Amino acid sequence: MKKTSKDKQKEVKRELFNAPNARQKGYKSCLTCGSLLTINVISCPLCHSAVDVRKKQSLSKTTAYLLTALLFFFPANFLPTMTTDSLIMGKKDDTILSGIMYLWAHGDKPIATIVFVASIVTPIFKMLSIAYLCVSCYLRSNKRIIWRTKLYHFNELIGRWSMIDVFVVALLGALVQMGALGTIQPRLGIVAFALVVFFSMLSLQQFDPRLIWDNSRQIDTPAQQSKDNL
């Protein structure tokens, strides 16, 4: 029976999944400069960075930073992000949600959508994604390896847009200083939101995506994996 192109692709993918990695061959890579080093080298001779087979306590640090980001997420959305003081409208406190509702009600729907996605959807999606990656590695899951790797890289891509709300408030606070006519002052809510973005970025940075592929190959005993991952 003649093999189809789909069958050939499956065979190639199976061979790649079963191929030995650098760890099995006694090598490890420097995450700073990308040099390939023998497994007994402690520091990179090129950039002098510390080199480990896997990031030390990767999942524990990722989980700690993620929980910290989650802790700041609620005050970021319920505390005022800025205070507007003007002759026409008086003094008014605005949260992220109230600002989105104001923009939507006054016809600025595209801007309201952008702020909603950047300030609400993106942080929630990012935290849920990192939590899913951590749990799947804790459980040593060998399912959806490629999809989880793409999910990790997608979170790296969207992370740079998470600070848009902070930049908007900072810009307004710097520009809208009209003396007696009106002023805009940043409040604690925007600080909490900045901390959400900061700690979620740290949690993603601490996560080692190579743990996903280690679990797919299952080359180590559970005791060895626990020592490297936690």
C-alpha atoms as a PDB file:
ATOM      1  CA  MET A   1       0.000   0.000   0.000  1.00  0.00           C
ATOM      2  CA  LYS A   2       1.404   3.340  -1.057  1.00  0.00           C
ATOM      3  CA  LYS A   3       2.003   5.858   1.709  1.00  0.00           C
ATOM      4  CA  THR A   4       0.304   9.215   1.428  1.00  0.00           C
ATOM      5  CA  SER A   5       1.998  12.538   2.141  1.00  0.00           C
ATOM      6  CA  LYS A   6       0.088  12.714   5.421  1.00  0.00           C
ATOM      7  CA  ASP A   7       1.496   9.350   6.503  1.00  0.00           C
ATOM      8  CA  LYS A   8       5.003  10.495   5.618  1.00  0.00           C
ATOM      9  CA  GLN A   9       4.555  13.650   7.664  1.00  0.00           C
ATOM     10  CA  LYS A  10       3.452  11.559  10.639  1.00  0.00           C
ATOM     11  CA  GLU A  11       6.540   9.355  10.300  1.00  0.00           C
ATOM     12  CA  VAL A  12       8.850  12.355  10.120  1.00  0.00           C
ATOM     13  CA  LYS A  13       7.165  13.907  13.158  1.00  0.00           C
ATOM     14  CA  ARG A  14       7.450  10.604  15.079  1.00  0.00           C
ATOM     15  CA  GLU A  15      11.162  10.404  14.261  1.00  0.00           C
ATOM     16  CA  LEU A  16      11.701  13.987  15.421  1.00  0.00           C
ATOM     17  CA  PHE A  17       9.847  13.333  18.684  1.00  0.00           C
ATOM     18  CA  ASN A  18      11.957  10.228  19.351  1.00  0.00           C
ATOM     19  CA  ALA A  19      15.255  11.823  18.294  1.00  0.00           C
ATOM     20  CA  PRO A  20      17.807  12.288  21.114  1.00  0.00           C
ATOM     21  CA  ASN A  21      18.127  15.826  22.434  1.00  0.00           C
ATOM     22  CA  ALA A  22      21.209  17.697  23.608  1.00  0.00           C
ATOM     23  CA  ARG A  23      20.608  16.615  27.192  1.00  0.00           C
ATOM     24  CA  GLN A  24      20.726  12.943  26.249  1.00  0.00           C
ATOM     25  CA  LYS A  25      23.916  13.523  24.297  1.00  0.00           C
ATOM     26  CA  GLY A  26      25.620  15.216  27.252  1.00  0.00           C
ATOM     27  CA  TYR A  27      25.239  18.831  26.126  1.00  0.00           C
ATOM     28  CA  LYS A  28      23.407  21.937  27.289  1.00  0.00           C
ATOM     29  CA  SER A  29      22.874  25.378  25.776  1.00  0.00           C
ATOM     30  CA  CYS A  30      23.604  28.841  27.152  1.00  0.00           C
ATOM     31  CA  LEU A  31      20.359  30.842  27.191  1.00  0.00           C
ATOM     32  CA  THR A  32      22.296  34.135  26.913  1.00  0.00           C
ATOM     33  CA  CYS A  33      24.454  33.608  23.815  1.00  0.00           C
ATOM     34  CA  GLY A  34      23.177  30.231  22.542  1.00  0.00           C
ATOM     35  CA  SER A  35      26.504  28.393  22.824  1.00  0.00           C
ATOM     36  CA  LEU A  36      26.383  24.601  22.982  1.00  0.00           C
ATOM     37  CA  LEU A  37      28.411  23.339  25.939  1.00  0.00           C
ATOM     38  CA  THR A  38      29.166  20.023  27.568  1.00  0.00           C
ATOM     39  CA  ILE A  39      26.898  19.168  30.469  1.00  0.00           C
ATOM     40  CA  ASN A  40      29.632  19.490  33.134  1.00  0.00           C
ATOM     41  CA  VAL A  41      30.408  23.168  32.288  1.00  0.00           C
ATOM     42  CA  ILE A  42      29.149  25.529  35.005  1.00  0.00           C
ATOM     43  CA  SER A  43      29.566  28.916  33.272  1.00  0.00           C
ATOM     44  CA  CYS A  44      29.701  29.872  29.602  1.00  0.00           C
ATOM     45  CA  PRO A  45      33.269  30.666  28.477  1.00  0.00           C
ATOM     46  CA  LEU A  46      31.940  33.139  25.879  1.00  0.00           C
ATOM     47  CA  CYS A  47      29.507  35.343  27.858  1.00  0.00           C
ATOM     48  CA  HIS A  48      30.390  34.127  31.404  1.00  0.00           C
ATOM     49  CA  SER A  49      26.726  33.441  32.259  1.00  0.00           C
ATOM     50  CA  ALA A  50      25.746  30.593  34.570  1.00  0.00           C
ATOM     51  CA  VAL A  51      24.568  27.605  32.511  1.00  0.00           C
ATOM     52  CA  ASP A  52      22.155  24.960  33.771  1.00  0.00           C
ATOM     53  CA  VAL A  53      20.573  22.002  32.030  1.00  0.00           C
ATOM     54  CA  ARG A  54      17.197  23.540  32.900  1.00  0.00           C
ATOM     55  CA  LYS A  55      16.253  26.744  34.706  1.00  0.00           C
ATOM     56  CA  LYS A  56      16.529  26.108  38.437  1.00  0.00           C
ATOM     57  CA  GLN A  57      13.179  25.873  40.258  1.00  0.00           C
ATOM     58  CA  SER A  58      11.474  27.002  37.069  1.00  0.00           C
ATOM     59  CA  LEU A  59       7.936  25.881  37.898  1.00  0.00           C
ATOM     60  CA  SER A  60       8.089  27.024  41.525  1.00  0.00           C
ATOM     61  CA  LYS A  61       9.261  30.535  40.588  1.00  0.00           C
ATOM     62  CA  THR A  62       6.776  30.757  37.721  1.00  0.00           C
ATOM     63  CA  THR A  63       3.908  29.793  40.023  1.00  0.00           C
ATOM     64  CA  ALA A  64       5.004  32.273  42.716  1.00  0.00           C
ATOM     65  CA  TYR A  65       5.168  35.199  40.281  1.00  0.00           C
ATOM     66  CA  LEU A  66       1.871  34.159  38.704  1.00  0.00           C
ATOM     67  CA  LEU A  67       0.063  34.120  42.067  1.00  0.00           C
ATOM     68  CA  THR A  68       1.514  37.555  42.850  1.00  0.00           C
ATOM     69  CA  ALA A  69       0.198  38.899  39.533  1.00  0.00           C
ATOM     70  CA  LEU A  70      -3.222  37.402  40.305  1.00  0.00           C
ATOM     71  CA  LEU A  71      -3.163  39.062  43.733  1.00  0.00           C
ATOM     72  CA  PHE A  72      -2.687  42.525  42.159  1.00  0.00           C
ATOM     73  CA  PHE A  73      -5.203  41.874  39.346  1.00  0.00           C
ATOM     74  CA  PHE A  74      -8.285  42.572  41.488  1.00  0.00           C
ATOM     75  CA  PRO A  75      -7.198  45.955  42.921  1.00  0.00           C
ATOM     76  CA  ALA A  76      -5.987  46.887  39.421  1.00  0.00           C
ATOM     77  CA  ASN A  77      -9.540  46.552  38.115  1.00  0.00           C
ATOM     78  CA  PHE A  78     -11.510  47.882  41.098  1.00  0.00           C
ATOM     79  CA  LEU A  79      -9.319  50.748  42.356  1.00  0.00           C
ATOM     80  CA  PRO A  80      -9.333  54.089  40.481  1.00  0.00           C
ATOM     81  CA  THR A  81      -6.641  54.343  37.824  1.00  0.00           C
ATOM     82  CA  MET A  82      -6.874  58.124  37.482  1.00  0.00           C
ATOM     83  CA  THR A  83      -8.677  61.165  38.875  1.00  0.00           C
ATOM     84  CA  THR A  84     -10.029  63.841  36.532  1.00  0.00           C
ATOM     85  CA  ASP A  85     -10.605  67.301  37.977  1.00  0.00           C
ATOM     86  CA  SER A  86     -12.197  69.909  35.677  1.00  0.00           C
ATOM     87  CA  LEU A  87     -14.469  72.939  35.870  1.00  0.00           C
ATOM     88  CA  ILE A  88     -17.125  71.288  33.697  1.00  0.00           C
ATOM     89  CA  MET A  89     -17.357  67.769  35.167  1.00  0.00           C
ATOM     90  CA  GLY A  90     -15.856  68.344  38.591  1.00  0.00           C
ATOM     91  CA  LYS A  91     -13.737  65.719  40.305  1.00  0.00           C
ATOM     92  CA  LYS A  92     -14.189  62.160  39.055  1.00  0.00           C
ATOM     93  CA  ASP A  93     -12.427  58.850  39.751  1.00  0.00           C
ATOM     94  CA  ASP A  94     -12.190  56.336  36.915  1.00  0.00           C
ATOM     95  CA  THR A  95     -11.377  52.630  36.981  1.00  0.00           C
ATOM     96  CA  ILE A  96     -10.345  50.645  33.904  1.00  0.00           C
ATOM     97  CA  LEU A  97     -13.887  49.325  33.425  1.00  0.00           C
ATOM     98  CA  SER A  98     -15.550  52.708  33.903  1.00  0.00           C
ATOM     99  CA  GLY A  99     -13.154  54.231  31.392  1.00  0.00           C
ATOM    100  CA  ILE A 100     -13.998  51.531  28.844  1.00  0.00           C
ATOM    101  CA  MET A 101     -17.737  52.051  29.416  1.00  0.00           C
ATOM    102  CA  TYR A 102     -17.329  55.823  29.035  1.00  0.00           C
ATOM    103  CA  LEU A 103     -15.482  55.472  25.719  1.00  0.00           C
ATOM    104  CA  TRP A 104     -18.070  52.977  24.437  1.00  0.00           C
ATOM    105  CA  ALA A 105     -21.033  55.171  25.433  1.00  0.00           C
ATOM    106  CA  HIS A 106     -19.559  58.245  23.743  1.00  0.00           C
ATOM    107  CA  GLY A 107     -19.010  56.554  20.388  1.00  0.00           C
ATOM    108  CA  ASP A 108     -15.307  55.685  20.689  1.00  0.00           C
ATOM    109  CA  LYS A 109     -15.974  51.970  20.261  1.00  0.00           C
ATOM    110  CA  PRO A 110     -12.693  51.070  18.469  1.00  0.00           C
ATOM    111  CA  ILE A 111     -10.632  52.710  21.241  1.00  0.00           C
ATOM    112  CA  ALA A 112     -12.799  51.111  23.923  1.00  0.00           C
ATOM    113  CA  THR A 113     -12.286  47.703  22.299  1.00  0.00           C
ATOM    114  CA  ILE A 114      -8.500  48.163  22.150  1.00  0.00           C
ATOM    115  CA  VAL A 115      -8.334  49.204  25.816  1.00  0.00           C
ATOM    116  CA  PHE A 116     -10.617  46.321  26.830  1.00  0.00           C
ATOM    117  CA  VAL A 117      -8.500  43.746  24.996  1.00  0.00           C
ATOM    118  CA  ALA A 118      -5.189  45.159  26.255  1.00  0.00           C
ATOM    119  CA  SER A 119      -6.282  45.773  29.864  1.00  0.00           C
ATOM    120  CA  ILE A 120      -8.753  42.954  30.596  1.00  0.00           C
ATOM    121  CA  VAL A 121      -8.592  40.160  28.025  1.00  0.00           C
ATOM    122  CA  THR A 122      -4.802  40.014  27.567  1.00  0.00           C
ATOM    123  CA  PRO A 123      -3.840  39.775  31.298  1.00  0.00           C
ATOM    124  CA  ILE A 124      -6.522  37.147  31.968  1.00  0.00           C
ATOM    125  CA  PHE A 125      -5.529  35.117  28.897  1.00  0.00           C
ATOM    126  CA  LYS A 126      -1.853  35.360  29.807  1.00  0.00           C
ATOM    127  CA  MET A 127      -2.337  34.247  33.415  1.00  0.00           C
ATOM    128  CA  LEU A 128      -4.606  31.363  32.405  1.00  0.00           C
ATOM    129  CA  SER A 129      -2.098  30.277  29.736  1.00  0.00           C
ATOM    130  CA  ILE A 130       0.847  30.295  32.136  1.00  0.00           C
ATOM    131  CA  ALA A 131      -1.211  28.414  34.726  1.00  0.00           C
ATOM    132  CA  TYR A 132      -2.106  25.799  32.112  1.00  0.00           C
ATOM    133  CA  LEU A 133       1.542  25.407  31.073  1.00  0.00           C
ATOM    134  CA  CYS A 134       2.652  25.016  34.690  1.00  0.00           C
ATOM    135  CA  VAL A 135      -0.040  22.469  35.549  1.00  0.00           C
ATOM    136  CA  SER A 136       0.655  20.416  32.401  1.00  0.00           C
ATOM    137  CA  CYS A 137       4.355  20.291  33.295  1.00  0.00           C
ATOM    138  CA  TYR A 138       3.637  19.474  36.942  1.00  0.00           C
ATOM    139  CA  LEU A 139       1.537  16.543  35.717  1.00  0.00           C
ATOM    140  CA  ARG A 140       4.235  15.593  33.154  1.00  0.00           C
ATOM    141  CA  SER A 141       1.689  15.638  30.359  1.00  0.00           C
ATOM    142  CA  ASN A 142       2.894  14.449  26.944  1.00  0.00           C
ATOM    143  CA  LYS A 143      -0.154  15.734  25.051  1.00  0.00           C
ATOM    144  CA  ARG A 144      -0.394  18.741  22.694  1.00  0.00           C
ATOM    145  CA  ILE A 145       3.360  19.378  22.850  1.00  0.00           C
ATOM    146  CA  ILE A 146       3.560  21.578  19.760  1.00  0.00           C
ATOM    147  CA  TRP A 147       0.381  23.466  20.660  1.00  0.00           C
ATOM    148  CA  ARG A 148       1.700  24.248  24.147  1.00  0.00           C
ATOM    149  CA  THR A 149       5.001  25.440  22.694  1.00  0.00           C
ATOM    150  CA  LYS A 150       3.133  27.768  20.317  1.00  0.00           C
ATOM    151  CA  LEU A 151       1.031  28.989  23.247  1.00  0.00           C
ATOM    152  CA  TYR A 152       4.213  29.907  25.136  1.00  0.00           C
ATOM    153  CA  HIS A 153       5.633  31.860  22.189  1.00  0.00           C
ATOM    154  CA  PHE A 154       2.281  33.586  21.587  1.00  0.00           C
ATOM    155  CA  ASN A 155       2.328  34.814  25.190  1.00  0.00           C
ATOM    156  CA  GLU A 156       5.804  36.208  24.585  1.00  0.00           C
ATOM    157  CA  LEU A 157       4.426  38.080  21.568  1.00  0.00           C
ATOM    158  CA  ILE A 158       1.406  39.674  23.273  1.00  0.00           C
ATOM    159  CA  GLY A 159       3.280  40.558  26.457  1.00  0.00           C
ATOM    160  CA  ARG A 160       4.674  43.753  24.971  1.00  0.00           C
ATOM    161  CA  TRP A 161       1.143  45.165  24.455  1.00  0.00           C
ATOM    162  CA  SER A 162       0.068  44.687  28.065  1.00  0.00           C
ATOM    163  CA  MET A 163       1.395  48.063  29.214  1.00  0.00           C
ATOM    164  CA  ILE A 164      -0.756  50.129  26.840  1.00  0.00           C
ATOM    165  CA  ASP A 165      -3.132  51.182  29.634  1.00  0.00           C
ATOM    166  CA  VAL A 166      -0.247  52.373  31.804  1.00  0.00           C
ATOM    167  CA  PHE A 167       1.210  54.367  28.915  1.00  0.00           C
ATOM    168  CA  VAL A 168      -2.155  56.015  28.179  1.00  0.00           C
ATOM    169  CA  VAL A 169      -2.645  57.169  31.783  1.00  0.00           C
ATOM    170  CA  ALA A 170       0.972  58.356  32.042  1.00  0.00           C
ATOM    171  CA  LEU A 171       0.624  60.298  28.784  1.00  0.00           C
ATOM    172  CA  LEU A 172      -2.674  61.879  29.838  1.00  0.00           C
ATOM    173  CA  GLY A 173      -1.251  62.784  33.230  1.00  0.00           C
ATOM    174  CA  ALA A 174       1.701  64.511  31.564  1.00  0.00           C
ATOM    175  CA  LEU A 175      -0.281  66.338  28.864  1.00  0.00           C
ATOM    176  CA  VAL A 176      -3.563  67.257  30.526  1.00  0.00           C
ATOM    177  CA  GLN A 177      -2.335  69.764  33.080  1.00  0.00           C
ATOM    178  CA  MET A 178      -4.443  72.843  32.303  1.00  0.00           C
ATOM    179  CA  GLY A 179      -4.202  74.588  35.650  1.00  0.00           C
ATOM    180  CA  ALA A 180      -7.598  75.788  36.818  1.00  0.00           C
ATOM    181  CA  LEU A 181      -9.387  74.277  33.793  1.00  0.00           C
ATOM    182  CA  GLY A 182      -8.576  70.667  34.574  1.00  0.00           C
ATOM    183  CA  THR A 183      -5.984  68.070  35.566  1.00  0.00           C
ATOM    184  CA  ILE A 184      -5.550  64.290  35.405  1.00  0.00           C
ATOM    185  CA  GLN A 185      -3.701  62.472  38.171  1.00  0.00           C
ATOM    186  CA  PRO A 186      -2.683  58.767  38.181  1.00  0.00           C
ATOM    187  CA  ARG A 187      -4.039  56.734  41.105  1.00  0.00           C
ATOM    188  CA  LEU A 188      -3.203  53.458  42.871  1.00  0.00           C
ATOM    189  CA  GLY A 189      -5.163  51.346  40.385  1.00  0.00           C
ATOM    190  CA  ILE A 190      -2.685  52.019  37.606  1.00  0.00           C
ATOM    191  CA  VAL A 191       0.200  51.075  39.916  1.00  0.00           C
ATOM    192  CA  ALA A 192      -1.534  47.767  40.683  1.00  0.00           C
ATOM    193  CA  PHE A 193      -2.096  47.169  36.971  1.00  0.00           C
ATOM    194  CA  ALA A 194       1.579  47.858  36.212  1.00  0.00           C
ATOM    195  CA  LEU A 195       2.509  45.306  38.900  1.00  0.00           C
ATOM    196  CA  VAL A 196       0.160  42.747  37.286  1.00  0.00           C
ATOM    197  CA  VAL A 197       1.976  43.198  33.973  1.00  0.00           C
ATOM    198  CA  PHE A 198       5.399  43.146  35.661  1.00  0.00           C
ATOM    199  CA  PHE A 199       4.863  39.931  37.622  1.00  0.00           C
ATOM    200  CA  SER A 200       3.138  38.155  34.728  1.00  0.00           C
ATOM    201  CA  MET A 201       6.151  38.995  32.554  1.00  0.00           C
ATOM    202  CA  LEU A 202       8.463  37.639  35.265  1.00  0.00           C
ATOM    203  CA  SER A 203       6.432  34.428  35.529  1.00  0.00           C
ATOM    204  CA  LEU A 204       6.648  33.842  31.778  1.00  0.00           C
ATOM    205  CA  GLN A 205      10.371  34.613  31.834  1.00  0.00           C
ATOM    206  CA  GLN A 206      10.958  32.034  34.582  1.00  0.00           C
ATOM    207  CA  PHE A 207       9.063  29.308  32.749  1.00  0.00           C
ATOM    208  CA  ASP A 208      11.353  26.937  30.852  1.00  0.00           C
ATOM    209  CA  PRO A 209       9.595  25.729  27.657  1.00  0.00           C
ATOM    210  CA  ARG A 210      12.071  22.850  27.358  1.00  0.00           C
ATOM    211  CA  LEU A 211      10.211  21.186  30.243  1.00  0.00           C
ATOM    212  CA  ILE A 212       7.320  20.602  27.823  1.00  0.00           C
ATOM    213  CA  TRP A 213       9.546  18.547  25.536  1.00  0.00           C
ATOM    214  CA  ASP A 214      11.267  16.757  28.409  1.00  0.00           C
ATOM    215  CA  ASN A 215       7.897  15.435  29.466  1.00  0.00           C
ATOM    216  CA  SER A 216       7.077  14.376  25.906  1.00  0.00           C
ATOM    217  CA  ARG A 217      10.173  12.204  25.720  1.00  0.00           C
ATOM    218  CA  GLN A 218      10.052  11.075  29.371  1.00  0.00           C
ATOM    219  CA  ILE A 219      13.797  10.510  29.358  1.00  0.00           C
ATOM    220  CA  ASP A 220      14.215  10.889  33.126  1.00  0.00           C
ATOM    221  CA  THR A 221      12.830   9.158  36.139  1.00  0.00           C
ATOM    222  CA  PRO A 222      10.190  11.074  38.137  1.00  0.00           C
ATOM    223  CA  ALA A 223      12.746  11.774  40.872  1.00  0.00           C
ATOM    224  CA  GLN A 224      15.189  13.336  38.391  1.00  0.00           C
ATOM    225  CA  GLN A 225      12.452  15.437  36.793  1.00  0.00           C
ATOM    226  CA  SER A 226      11.237  16.718  40.165  1.00  0.00           C
ATOM    227  CA  LYS A 227      14.751  17.768  41.100  1.00  0.00           C
ATOM    228  CA  ASP A 228      15.213  19.759  37.876  1.00  0.00           C
ATOM    229  CA  ASN A 229      11.734  21.286  37.562  1.00  0.00           C
ATOM    230  CA  LEU A 230      10.801  22.329  41.083  1.00  0.00           C
END
